[in-house]
Amino acid sequence: MIPTIPRSRSFRLIYGTYVLLFFLYLVLPLAVVATFAFNNSQFPSLPWEGFTWNWFFGEERPQIGVFHERGILRAVGTSAFVALCVATLSVCVGTTNAFLFNRYEFRGKGLLYVLMLLPLVIPGIVLGISVLVFSSTLANGLWDLAQIDLQFLRPGLLLVILGQFSFITTIATLVISARLQKFDRTLEEAALNLGATQLVAVRTVTLPFLAPALIGAIVVAFLMSFENFNTTLMLVGSDAPLTIAMFDRLKEGSTPLLNAVSLLLMLGSSLLALGLILFQRGR
């Protein structure tokens, strides 16, 4: 909507109603999930049986809380480990990709850029199946040829990390590239004229300029990895990340425990996003 265009009262009313309904559509399901995390019942549904903290801090079944459920806590640790690995790899490779596509001209650059973007348009489940088929074929071929069994090519955390990395690194590249395009290269040239090497100039001048984008890419990559389900489902082994553990629990029957986990995830994601916004404003 263009603010300078005059609008009638009825139009403002309709537009305001639309905006309100839109945000209710987004927020209401989350509010319902959060509310039933405090329901003193075995099922996350009406009728309301009373307020309780048991689904967070309860120590006895059937109302054992999140902080005393070893399976959930183990899954959270697994997801955090995977997300940290994926975020680190994605930002490192994304930074080199950003320099490659912004600083250099070479034959096939356009094709390479398109190939980098492809994982964003490929469904996650297809991407996971592709990684699984490739790794399994390679592992089976090595076993048939030389009786070498490479367990890291079988479903497990390494394949989960590689599968998530294959598309999250593209997002990290785009985030860092957008910041790098705004960089004034004369600052690097000034550092070179003062006697710095190319590596020192990049480390002391360019990377500090990229810091907000690097932090943003780390947070985005971490959150995307932590909540990923489709790709992870195809590649997971015995150590299940949180999304897979919640899916397995849901197949057995939903309880307010899953609502409590979801609420904590919402709060954690919101705090990370808020911290990122405050950091970027400070910069």
C-alpha atoms as a PDB file:
ATOM      1  CA  MET A   1       0.000   0.000   0.000  1.00  0.00           C
ATOM      2  CA  ILE A   2       1.303   3.475  -0.933  1.00  0.00           C
ATOM      3  CA  PRO A   3       0.868   5.832   2.082  1.00  0.00           C
ATOM      4  CA  THR A   4       0.481   8.995  -0.030  1.00  0.00           C
ATOM      5  CA  ILE A   5      -2.610   7.735  -1.878  1.00  0.00           C
ATOM      6  CA  PRO A   6      -5.812   8.886  -0.143  1.00  0.00           C
ATOM      7  CA  ARG A   7      -7.984   6.044   1.123  1.00  0.00           C
ATOM      8  CA  SER A   8     -11.598   5.941   2.197  1.00  0.00           C
ATOM      9  CA  ARG A   9     -12.638   4.931   5.694  1.00  0.00           C
ATOM     10  CA  SER A  10     -14.233   1.715   4.431  1.00  0.00           C
ATOM     11  CA  PHE A  11     -11.044   0.764   2.613  1.00  0.00           C
ATOM     12  CA  ARG A  12      -8.956   1.330   5.764  1.00  0.00           C
ATOM     13  CA  LEU A  13     -11.405  -0.777   7.742  1.00  0.00           C
ATOM     14  CA  ILE A  14     -11.278  -3.648   5.233  1.00  0.00           C
ATOM     15  CA  TYR A  15      -7.505  -3.464   5.012  1.00  0.00           C
ATOM     16  CA  GLY A  16      -7.112  -3.393   8.801  1.00  0.00           C
ATOM     17  CA  THR A  17      -9.430  -6.375   9.140  1.00  0.00           C
ATOM     18  CA  TYR A  18      -7.425  -8.283   6.535  1.00  0.00           C
ATOM     19  CA  VAL A  19      -4.145  -7.596   8.352  1.00  0.00           C
ATOM     20  CA  LEU A  20      -5.673  -8.638  11.675  1.00  0.00           C
ATOM     21  CA  LEU A  21      -7.054 -11.885  10.246  1.00  0.00           C
ATOM     22  CA  PHE A  22      -3.738 -12.623   8.567  1.00  0.00           C
ATOM     23  CA  PHE A  23      -1.790 -12.321  11.807  1.00  0.00           C
ATOM     24  CA  LEU A  24      -4.413 -14.317  13.691  1.00  0.00           C
ATOM     25  CA  TYR A  25      -4.021 -17.036  11.068  1.00  0.00           C
ATOM     26  CA  LEU A  26      -0.285 -17.097  11.785  1.00  0.00           C
ATOM     27  CA  VAL A  27      -0.379 -16.768  15.561  1.00  0.00           C
ATOM     28  CA  LEU A  28      -3.484 -18.729  16.585  1.00  0.00           C
ATOM     29  CA  PRO A  29      -2.105 -22.255  15.896  1.00  0.00           C
ATOM     30  CA  LEU A  30       1.055 -21.415  17.842  1.00  0.00           C
ATOM     31  CA  ALA A  31      -0.989 -20.001  20.703  1.00  0.00           C
ATOM     32  CA  VAL A  32      -3.116 -23.163  20.854  1.00  0.00           C
ATOM     33  CA  VAL A  33      -0.005 -25.370  20.934  1.00  0.00           C
ATOM     34  CA  ALA A  34       1.524 -23.225  23.696  1.00  0.00           C
ATOM     35  CA  THR A  35      -1.681 -23.194  25.765  1.00  0.00           C
ATOM     36  CA  PHE A  36      -2.122 -26.977  25.865  1.00  0.00           C
ATOM     37  CA  ALA A  37       1.461 -27.349  27.112  1.00  0.00           C
ATOM     38  CA  PHE A  38      -0.015 -26.357  30.512  1.00  0.00           C
ATOM     39  CA  ASN A  39      -3.100 -28.576  30.385  1.00  0.00           C
ATOM     40  CA  ASN A  40      -3.342 -31.029  33.285  1.00  0.00           C
ATOM     41  CA  SER A  41      -4.473 -33.835  30.992  1.00  0.00           C
ATOM     42  CA  GLN A  42      -3.013 -36.773  29.112  1.00  0.00           C
ATOM     43  CA  PHE A  43      -4.169 -35.320  25.806  1.00  0.00           C
ATOM     44  CA  PRO A  44      -3.531 -31.887  24.254  1.00  0.00           C
ATOM     45  CA  SER A  45      -7.184 -31.165  23.648  1.00  0.00           C
ATOM     46  CA  LEU A  46     -10.342 -29.924  25.285  1.00  0.00           C
ATOM     47  CA  PRO A  47     -11.761 -30.064  27.870  1.00  0.00           C
ATOM     48  CA  TRP A  48      -9.338 -27.991  29.950  1.00  0.00           C
ATOM     49  CA  GLU A  49      -8.405 -30.005  33.041  1.00  0.00           C
ATOM     50  CA  GLY A  50      -6.502 -27.295  34.889  1.00  0.00           C
ATOM     51  CA  PHE A  51      -3.145 -25.547  34.871  1.00  0.00           C
ATOM     52  CA  THR A  52       0.054 -27.514  35.513  1.00  0.00           C
ATOM     53  CA  TRP A  53       3.826 -27.268  35.124  1.00  0.00           C
ATOM     54  CA  ASN A  54       4.204 -31.037  35.059  1.00  0.00           C
ATOM     55  CA  TRP A  55       4.832 -31.228  31.314  1.00  0.00           C
ATOM     56  CA  PHE A  56       7.961 -29.147  31.910  1.00  0.00           C
ATOM     57  CA  PHE A  57       9.187 -30.188  35.376  1.00  0.00           C
ATOM     58  CA  GLY A  58       7.247 -33.333  36.301  1.00  0.00           C
ATOM     59  CA  GLU A  59       9.384 -36.235  37.526  1.00  0.00           C
ATOM     60  CA  GLU A  60       6.864 -39.055  37.574  1.00  0.00           C
ATOM     61  CA  ARG A  61       4.981 -40.747  34.777  1.00  0.00           C
ATOM     62  CA  PRO A  62       2.587 -40.325  33.142  1.00  0.00           C
ATOM     63  CA  GLN A  63       3.226 -36.576  33.466  1.00  0.00           C
ATOM     64  CA  ILE A  64       6.996 -36.597  33.189  1.00  0.00           C
ATOM     65  CA  GLY A  65       8.311 -33.207  32.057  1.00  0.00           C
ATOM     66  CA  VAL A  66      10.613 -32.183  29.255  1.00  0.00           C
ATOM     67  CA  PHE A  67      13.537 -31.552  31.588  1.00  0.00           C
ATOM     68  CA  HIS A  68      13.307 -35.076  33.000  1.00  0.00           C
ATOM     69  CA  GLU A  69      12.634 -36.968  29.752  1.00  0.00           C
ATOM     70  CA  ARG A  70      15.981 -38.477  28.816  1.00  0.00           C
ATOM     71  CA  GLY A  71      14.945 -39.398  25.288  1.00  0.00           C
ATOM     72  CA  ILE A  72      13.913 -35.832  24.481  1.00  0.00           C
ATOM     73  CA  LEU A  73      17.003 -34.332  26.120  1.00  0.00           C
ATOM     74  CA  ARG A  74      19.234 -36.727  24.179  1.00  0.00           C
ATOM     75  CA  ALA A  75      17.459 -35.751  20.948  1.00  0.00           C
ATOM     76  CA  VAL A  76      17.926 -32.059  21.745  1.00  0.00           C
ATOM     77  CA  GLY A  77      21.655 -32.640  22.222  1.00  0.00           C
ATOM     78  CA  THR A  78      21.838 -34.540  18.937  1.00  0.00           C
ATOM     79  CA  SER A  79      20.009 -31.767  17.085  1.00  0.00           C
ATOM     80  CA  ALA A  80      22.248 -29.112  18.625  1.00  0.00           C
ATOM     81  CA  PHE A  81      25.376 -31.039  17.594  1.00  0.00           C
ATOM     82  CA  VAL A  82      24.140 -31.502  14.034  1.00  0.00           C
ATOM     83  CA  ALA A  83      23.009 -27.875  13.772  1.00  0.00           C
ATOM     84  CA  LEU A  84      26.357 -26.592  15.062  1.00  0.00           C
ATOM     85  CA  CYS A  85      28.267 -28.695  12.535  1.00  0.00           C
ATOM     86  CA  VAL A  86      25.981 -27.679   9.676  1.00  0.00           C
ATOM     87  CA  ALA A  87      26.118 -23.990  10.618  1.00  0.00           C
ATOM     88  CA  THR A  88      29.919 -24.023  10.845  1.00  0.00           C
ATOM     89  CA  LEU A  89      30.385 -25.814   7.523  1.00  0.00           C
ATOM     90  CA  SER A  90      27.726 -23.725   5.770  1.00  0.00           C
ATOM     91  CA  VAL A  91      29.167 -20.386   6.857  1.00  0.00           C
ATOM     92  CA  CYS A  92      32.740 -21.380   6.006  1.00  0.00           C
ATOM     93  CA  VAL A  93      31.814 -22.652   2.550  1.00  0.00           C
ATOM     94  CA  GLY A  94      29.255 -19.866   2.069  1.00  0.00           C
ATOM     95  CA  THR A  95      31.929 -17.243   2.734  1.00  0.00           C
ATOM     96  CA  THR A  96      34.283 -18.730   0.152  1.00  0.00           C
ATOM     97  CA  ASN A  97      31.377 -19.003  -2.304  1.00  0.00           C
ATOM     98  CA  ALA A  98      30.506 -15.353  -1.749  1.00  0.00           C
ATOM     99  CA  PHE A  99      34.067 -14.277  -2.549  1.00  0.00           C
ATOM    100  CA  LEU A 100      34.147 -16.583  -5.564  1.00  0.00           C
ATOM    101  CA  PHE A 101      30.966 -15.243  -7.144  1.00  0.00           C
ATOM    102  CA  ASN A 102      31.551 -11.581  -6.233  1.00  0.00           C
ATOM    103  CA  ARG A 103      35.272 -11.190  -6.872  1.00  0.00           C
ATOM    104  CA  TYR A 104      36.152 -13.453  -9.797  1.00  0.00           C
ATOM    105  CA  GLU A 105      35.127 -13.945 -13.401  1.00  0.00           C
ATOM    106  CA  PHE A 106      35.619 -17.359 -15.001  1.00  0.00           C
ATOM    107  CA  ARG A 107      34.094 -19.583 -17.628  1.00  0.00           C
ATOM    108  CA  GLY A 108      31.002 -21.416 -16.436  1.00  0.00           C
ATOM    109  CA  LYS A 109      30.359 -19.004 -13.560  1.00  0.00           C
ATOM    110  CA  GLY A 110      26.676 -18.637 -14.436  1.00  0.00           C
ATOM    111  CA  LEU A 111      26.161 -22.386 -14.663  1.00  0.00           C
ATOM    112  CA  LEU A 112      27.953 -22.934 -11.359  1.00  0.00           C
ATOM    113  CA  TYR A 113      25.773 -20.294  -9.709  1.00  0.00           C
ATOM    114  CA  VAL A 114      22.607 -21.991 -10.968  1.00  0.00           C
ATOM    115  CA  LEU A 115      23.843 -25.355  -9.685  1.00  0.00           C
ATOM    116  CA  MET A 116      24.446 -23.761  -6.292  1.00  0.00           C
ATOM    117  CA  LEU A 117      20.836 -22.544  -6.215  1.00  0.00           C
ATOM    118  CA  LEU A 118      19.310 -25.878  -7.270  1.00  0.00           C
ATOM    119  CA  PRO A 119      19.070 -27.379  -3.744  1.00  0.00           C
ATOM    120  CA  LEU A 120      16.664 -24.573  -2.816  1.00  0.00           C
ATOM    121  CA  VAL A 121      14.079 -25.702  -5.362  1.00  0.00           C
ATOM    122  CA  ILE A 122      14.500 -29.443  -4.848  1.00  0.00           C
ATOM    123  CA  PRO A 123      12.085 -30.895  -2.235  1.00  0.00           C
ATOM    124  CA  GLY A 124      13.887 -31.836   0.958  1.00  0.00           C
ATOM    125  CA  ILE A 125      12.715 -35.431   0.864  1.00  0.00           C
ATOM    126  CA  VAL A 126      14.035 -35.820  -2.709  1.00  0.00           C
ATOM    127  CA  LEU A 127      17.338 -34.327  -1.637  1.00  0.00           C
ATOM    128  CA  GLY A 128      17.553 -36.751   1.274  1.00  0.00           C
ATOM    129  CA  ILE A 129      16.742 -39.746  -0.928  1.00  0.00           C
ATOM    130  CA  SER A 130      19.383 -38.640  -3.453  1.00  0.00           C
ATOM    131  CA  VAL A 131      22.093 -38.393  -0.782  1.00  0.00           C
ATOM    132  CA  LEU A 132      21.047 -41.753   0.666  1.00  0.00           C
ATOM    133  CA  VAL A 133      21.041 -43.533  -2.704  1.00  0.00           C
ATOM    134  CA  PHE A 134      24.422 -42.085  -3.661  1.00  0.00           C
ATOM    135  CA  SER A 135      26.105 -42.950  -0.355  1.00  0.00           C
ATOM    136  CA  SER A 136      24.569 -46.424  -0.203  1.00  0.00           C
ATOM    137  CA  THR A 137      25.598 -47.178  -3.779  1.00  0.00           C
ATOM    138  CA  LEU A 138      29.138 -46.051  -3.034  1.00  0.00           C
ATOM    139  CA  ALA A 139      29.298 -48.079   0.183  1.00  0.00           C
ATOM    140  CA  ASN A 140      27.913 -51.214  -1.467  1.00  0.00           C
ATOM    141  CA  GLY A 141      30.303 -50.831  -4.401  1.00  0.00           C
ATOM    142  CA  LEU A 142      33.329 -50.597  -2.103  1.00  0.00           C
ATOM    143  CA  TRP A 143      32.148 -53.662  -0.212  1.00  0.00           C
ATOM    144  CA  ASP A 144      31.670 -55.665  -3.401  1.00  0.00           C
ATOM    145  CA  LEU A 145      35.057 -54.654  -4.823  1.00  0.00           C
ATOM    146  CA  ALA A 146      37.350 -54.714  -1.798  1.00  0.00           C
ATOM    147  CA  GLN A 147      35.270 -55.922   1.165  1.00  0.00           C
ATOM    148  CA  ILE A 148      35.630 -52.460   2.715  1.00  0.00           C
ATOM    149  CA  ASP A 149      32.699 -51.440   4.891  1.00  0.00           C
ATOM    150  CA  LEU A 150      32.599 -47.656   5.409  1.00  0.00           C
ATOM    151  CA  GLN A 151      30.019 -47.140   8.105  1.00  0.00           C
ATOM    152  CA  PHE A 152      30.005 -43.359   7.721  1.00  0.00           C
ATOM    153  CA  LEU A 153      28.356 -43.850   4.314  1.00  0.00           C
ATOM    154  CA  ARG A 154      25.428 -45.600   5.993  1.00  0.00           C
ATOM    155  CA  PRO A 155      22.463 -43.701   7.494  1.00  0.00           C
ATOM    156  CA  GLY A 156      23.649 -41.751  10.509  1.00  0.00           C
ATOM    157  CA  LEU A 157      24.617 -38.325  11.773  1.00  0.00           C
ATOM    158  CA  LEU A 158      27.304 -37.760   9.145  1.00  0.00           C
ATOM    159  CA  LEU A 159      24.817 -38.228   6.314  1.00  0.00           C
ATOM    160  CA  VAL A 160      22.328 -35.997   8.151  1.00  0.00           C
ATOM    161  CA  ILE A 161      24.971 -33.268   8.366  1.00  0.00           C
ATOM    162  CA  LEU A 162      25.926 -33.642   4.697  1.00  0.00           C
ATOM    163  CA  GLY A 163      22.297 -33.708   3.562  1.00  0.00           C
ATOM    164  CA  GLN A 164      21.398 -30.544   5.466  1.00  0.00           C
ATOM    165  CA  PHE A 165      24.652 -28.864   4.470  1.00  0.00           C
ATOM    166  CA  SER A 166      23.865 -29.423   0.782  1.00  0.00           C
ATOM    167  CA  PHE A 167      21.045 -26.844   0.813  1.00  0.00           C
ATOM    168  CA  ILE A 168      21.698 -24.705   3.894  1.00  0.00           C
ATOM    169  CA  THR A 169      25.086 -23.644   2.519  1.00  0.00           C
ATOM    170  CA  THR A 170      23.233 -22.057  -0.421  1.00  0.00           C
ATOM    171  CA  ILE A 171      21.248 -19.847   1.954  1.00  0.00           C
ATOM    172  CA  ALA A 172      24.418 -18.904   3.839  1.00  0.00           C
ATOM    173  CA  THR A 173      26.066 -17.988   0.539  1.00  0.00           C
ATOM    174  CA  LEU A 174      23.196 -15.684  -0.440  1.00  0.00           C
ATOM    175  CA  VAL A 175      23.161 -13.953   2.955  1.00  0.00           C
ATOM    176  CA  ILE A 176      26.915 -13.309   2.938  1.00  0.00           C
ATOM    177  CA  SER A 177      26.990 -12.340  -0.762  1.00  0.00           C
ATOM    178  CA  ALA A 178      24.353  -9.657  -0.193  1.00  0.00           C
ATOM    179  CA  ARG A 179      26.593  -8.037   2.418  1.00  0.00           C
ATOM    180  CA  LEU A 180      29.799  -8.464   0.428  1.00  0.00           C
ATOM    181  CA  GLN A 181      28.314  -6.652  -2.583  1.00  0.00           C
ATOM    182  CA  LYS A 182      28.046  -3.488  -0.459  1.00  0.00           C
ATOM    183  CA  PHE A 183      31.726  -3.574   0.520  1.00  0.00           C
ATOM    184  CA  ASP A 184      33.982  -0.787  -0.750  1.00  0.00           C
ATOM    185  CA  ARG A 185      37.026  -2.558  -2.151  1.00  0.00           C
ATOM    186  CA  THR A 186      39.100   0.593  -1.912  1.00  0.00           C
ATOM    187  CA  LEU A 187      39.381  -0.148   1.821  1.00  0.00           C
ATOM    188  CA  GLU A 188      41.205  -3.374   0.994  1.00  0.00           C
ATOM    189  CA  GLU A 189      43.398  -1.518  -1.511  1.00  0.00           C
ATOM    190  CA  ALA A 190      44.306   1.022   1.160  1.00  0.00           C
ATOM    191  CA  ALA A 191      45.350  -1.804   3.488  1.00  0.00           C
ATOM    192  CA  LEU A 192      47.470  -3.305   0.705  1.00  0.00           C
ATOM    193  CA  ASN A 193      49.124   0.058   0.072  1.00  0.00           C
ATOM    194  CA  LEU A 194      50.029   0.244   3.758  1.00  0.00           C
ATOM    195  CA  GLY A 195      51.914  -3.053   3.504  1.00  0.00           C
ATOM    196  CA  ALA A 196      49.296  -5.642   4.430  1.00  0.00           C
ATOM    197  CA  THR A 197      49.114  -8.888   2.509  1.00  0.00           C
ATOM    198  CA  GLN A 198      45.909  -9.898   0.760  1.00  0.00           C
ATOM    199  CA  LEU A 199      45.085 -12.377   3.513  1.00  0.00           C
ATOM    200  CA  VAL A 200      45.721  -9.814   6.274  1.00  0.00           C
ATOM    201  CA  ALA A 201      43.617  -7.223   4.450  1.00  0.00           C
ATOM    202  CA  VAL A 202      40.699  -9.632   4.172  1.00  0.00           C
ATOM    203  CA  ARG A 203      41.034 -10.729   7.801  1.00  0.00           C
ATOM    204  CA  THR A 204      41.327  -7.228   9.292  1.00  0.00           C
ATOM    205  CA  VAL A 205      39.129  -5.184   6.933  1.00  0.00           C
ATOM    206  CA  THR A 206      36.676  -7.347   4.976  1.00  0.00           C
ATOM    207  CA  LEU A 207      35.694  -9.951   7.547  1.00  0.00           C
ATOM    208  CA  PRO A 208      34.839  -7.365  10.257  1.00  0.00           C
ATOM    209  CA  PHE A 209      32.586  -5.683   7.695  1.00  0.00           C
ATOM    210  CA  LEU A 210      30.946  -9.046   7.008  1.00  0.00           C
ATOM    211  CA  ALA A 211      30.466  -9.826  10.713  1.00  0.00           C
ATOM    212  CA  PRO A 212      26.701  -9.021  10.828  1.00  0.00           C
ATOM    213  CA  ALA A 213      26.080 -11.228   7.792  1.00  0.00           C
ATOM    214  CA  LEU A 214      28.264 -14.004   9.186  1.00  0.00           C
ATOM    215  CA  ILE A 215      26.420 -13.968  12.517  1.00  0.00           C
ATOM    216  CA  GLY A 216      23.088 -13.853  10.707  1.00  0.00           C
ATOM    217  CA  ALA A 217      24.070 -16.763   8.465  1.00  0.00           C
ATOM    218  CA  ILE A 218      25.160 -18.800  11.497  1.00  0.00           C
ATOM    219  CA  VAL A 219      21.847 -18.205  13.295  1.00  0.00           C
ATOM    220  CA  VAL A 220      19.748 -18.939  10.195  1.00  0.00           C
ATOM    221  CA  ALA A 221      21.744 -22.072   9.365  1.00  0.00           C
ATOM    222  CA  PHE A 222      21.540 -23.305  12.969  1.00  0.00           C
ATOM    223  CA  LEU A 223      17.764 -22.824  13.157  1.00  0.00           C
ATOM    224  CA  MET A 224      17.119 -24.362   9.736  1.00  0.00           C
ATOM    225  CA  SER A 225      19.199 -27.395  10.631  1.00  0.00           C
ATOM    226  CA  PHE A 226      17.643 -27.762  14.084  1.00  0.00           C
ATOM    227  CA  GLU A 227      14.083 -27.818  12.731  1.00  0.00           C
ATOM    228  CA  ASN A 228      14.730 -29.760   9.526  1.00  0.00           C
ATOM    229  CA  PHE A 229      12.596 -32.864   9.102  1.00  0.00           C
ATOM    230  CA  ASN A 230      12.214 -34.002   5.489  1.00  0.00           C
ATOM    231  CA  THR A 231      15.884 -34.421   4.607  1.00  0.00           C
ATOM    232  CA  THR A 232      16.767 -35.699   8.073  1.00  0.00           C
ATOM    233  CA  LEU A 233      14.065 -38.387   7.973  1.00  0.00           C
ATOM    234  CA  MET A 234      15.698 -40.027   4.958  1.00  0.00           C
ATOM    235  CA  LEU A 235      19.225 -40.025   6.407  1.00  0.00           C
ATOM    236  CA  VAL A 236      18.858 -40.584  10.144  1.00  0.00           C
ATOM    237  CA  GLY A 237      20.316 -43.602  11.872  1.00  0.00           C
ATOM    238  CA  SER A 238      20.009 -44.759  15.481  1.00  0.00           C
ATOM    239  CA  ASP A 239      20.732 -41.298  16.947  1.00  0.00           C
ATOM    240  CA  ALA A 240      17.545 -39.381  16.211  1.00  0.00           C
ATOM    241  CA  PRO A 241      17.491 -35.560  16.218  1.00  0.00           C
ATOM    242  CA  LEU A 242      14.628 -33.800  17.968  1.00  0.00           C
ATOM    243  CA  THR A 243      12.280 -33.516  14.980  1.00  0.00           C
ATOM    244  CA  ILE A 244      12.513 -37.251  14.324  1.00  0.00           C
ATOM    245  CA  ALA A 245      12.121 -38.087  18.022  1.00  0.00           C
ATOM    246  CA  MET A 246       8.981 -35.945  18.189  1.00  0.00           C
ATOM    247  CA  PHE A 247       7.637 -37.600  15.053  1.00  0.00           C
ATOM    248  CA  ASP A 248       8.177 -41.039  16.590  1.00  0.00           C
ATOM    249  CA  ARG A 249       6.420 -39.934  19.785  1.00  0.00           C
ATOM    250  CA  LEU A 250       3.544 -38.526  17.760  1.00  0.00           C
ATOM    251  CA  LYS A 251       3.000 -41.883  16.053  1.00  0.00           C
ATOM    252  CA  GLU A 252       2.515 -43.421  19.480  1.00  0.00           C
ATOM    253  CA  GLY A 253       0.004 -40.750  20.469  1.00  0.00           C
ATOM    254  CA  SER A 254       0.223 -37.031  21.119  1.00  0.00           C
ATOM    255  CA  THR A 255       0.639 -35.751  24.669  1.00  0.00           C
ATOM    256  CA  PRO A 256       1.126 -32.234  26.092  1.00  0.00           C
ATOM    257  CA  LEU A 257       4.813 -33.158  26.412  1.00  0.00           C
ATOM    258  CA  LEU A 258       5.179 -32.470  22.686  1.00  0.00           C
ATOM    259  CA  ASN A 259       3.382 -29.152  23.175  1.00  0.00           C
ATOM    260  CA  ALA A 260       5.878 -28.260  25.876  1.00  0.00           C
ATOM    261  CA  VAL A 261       8.798 -29.099  23.589  1.00  0.00           C
ATOM    262  CA  SER A 262       7.223 -27.028  20.813  1.00  0.00           C
ATOM    263  CA  LEU A 263       6.772 -24.057  23.147  1.00  0.00           C
ATOM    264  CA  LEU A 264      10.418 -24.215  24.206  1.00  0.00           C
ATOM    265  CA  LEU A 265      11.450 -24.353  20.558  1.00  0.00           C
ATOM    266  CA  MET A 266       9.349 -21.286  19.780  1.00  0.00           C
ATOM    267  CA  LEU A 267      10.861 -19.384  22.697  1.00  0.00           C
ATOM    268  CA  GLY A 268      14.397 -20.435  21.779  1.00  0.00           C
ATOM    269  CA  SER A 269      13.969 -19.443  18.131  1.00  0.00           C
ATOM    270  CA  SER A 270      12.439 -16.101  19.128  1.00  0.00           C
ATOM    271  CA  LEU A 271      15.276 -15.316  21.515  1.00  0.00           C
ATOM    272  CA  LEU A 272      17.883 -16.142  18.884  1.00  0.00           C
ATOM    273  CA  ALA A 273      16.116 -13.971  16.314  1.00  0.00           C
ATOM    274  CA  LEU A 274      15.767 -11.120  18.815  1.00  0.00           C
ATOM    275  CA  GLY A 275      19.435 -11.376  19.746  1.00  0.00           C
ATOM    276  CA  LEU A 276      20.397 -11.247  16.083  1.00  0.00           C
ATOM    277  CA  ILE A 277      18.256  -8.145  15.503  1.00  0.00           C
ATOM    278  CA  LEU A 278      19.776  -6.382  18.509  1.00  0.00           C
ATOM    279  CA  PHE A 279      23.281  -7.309  17.384  1.00  0.00           C
ATOM    280  CA  GLN A 280      22.730  -5.976  13.874  1.00  0.00           C
ATOM    281  CA  ARG A 281      21.241  -2.753  15.214  1.00  0.00           C
ATOM    282  CA  GLY A 282      24.248  -2.362  17.471  1.00  0.00           C
ATOM    283  CA  ARG A 283      26.535  -2.768  14.497  1.00  0.00           C
END
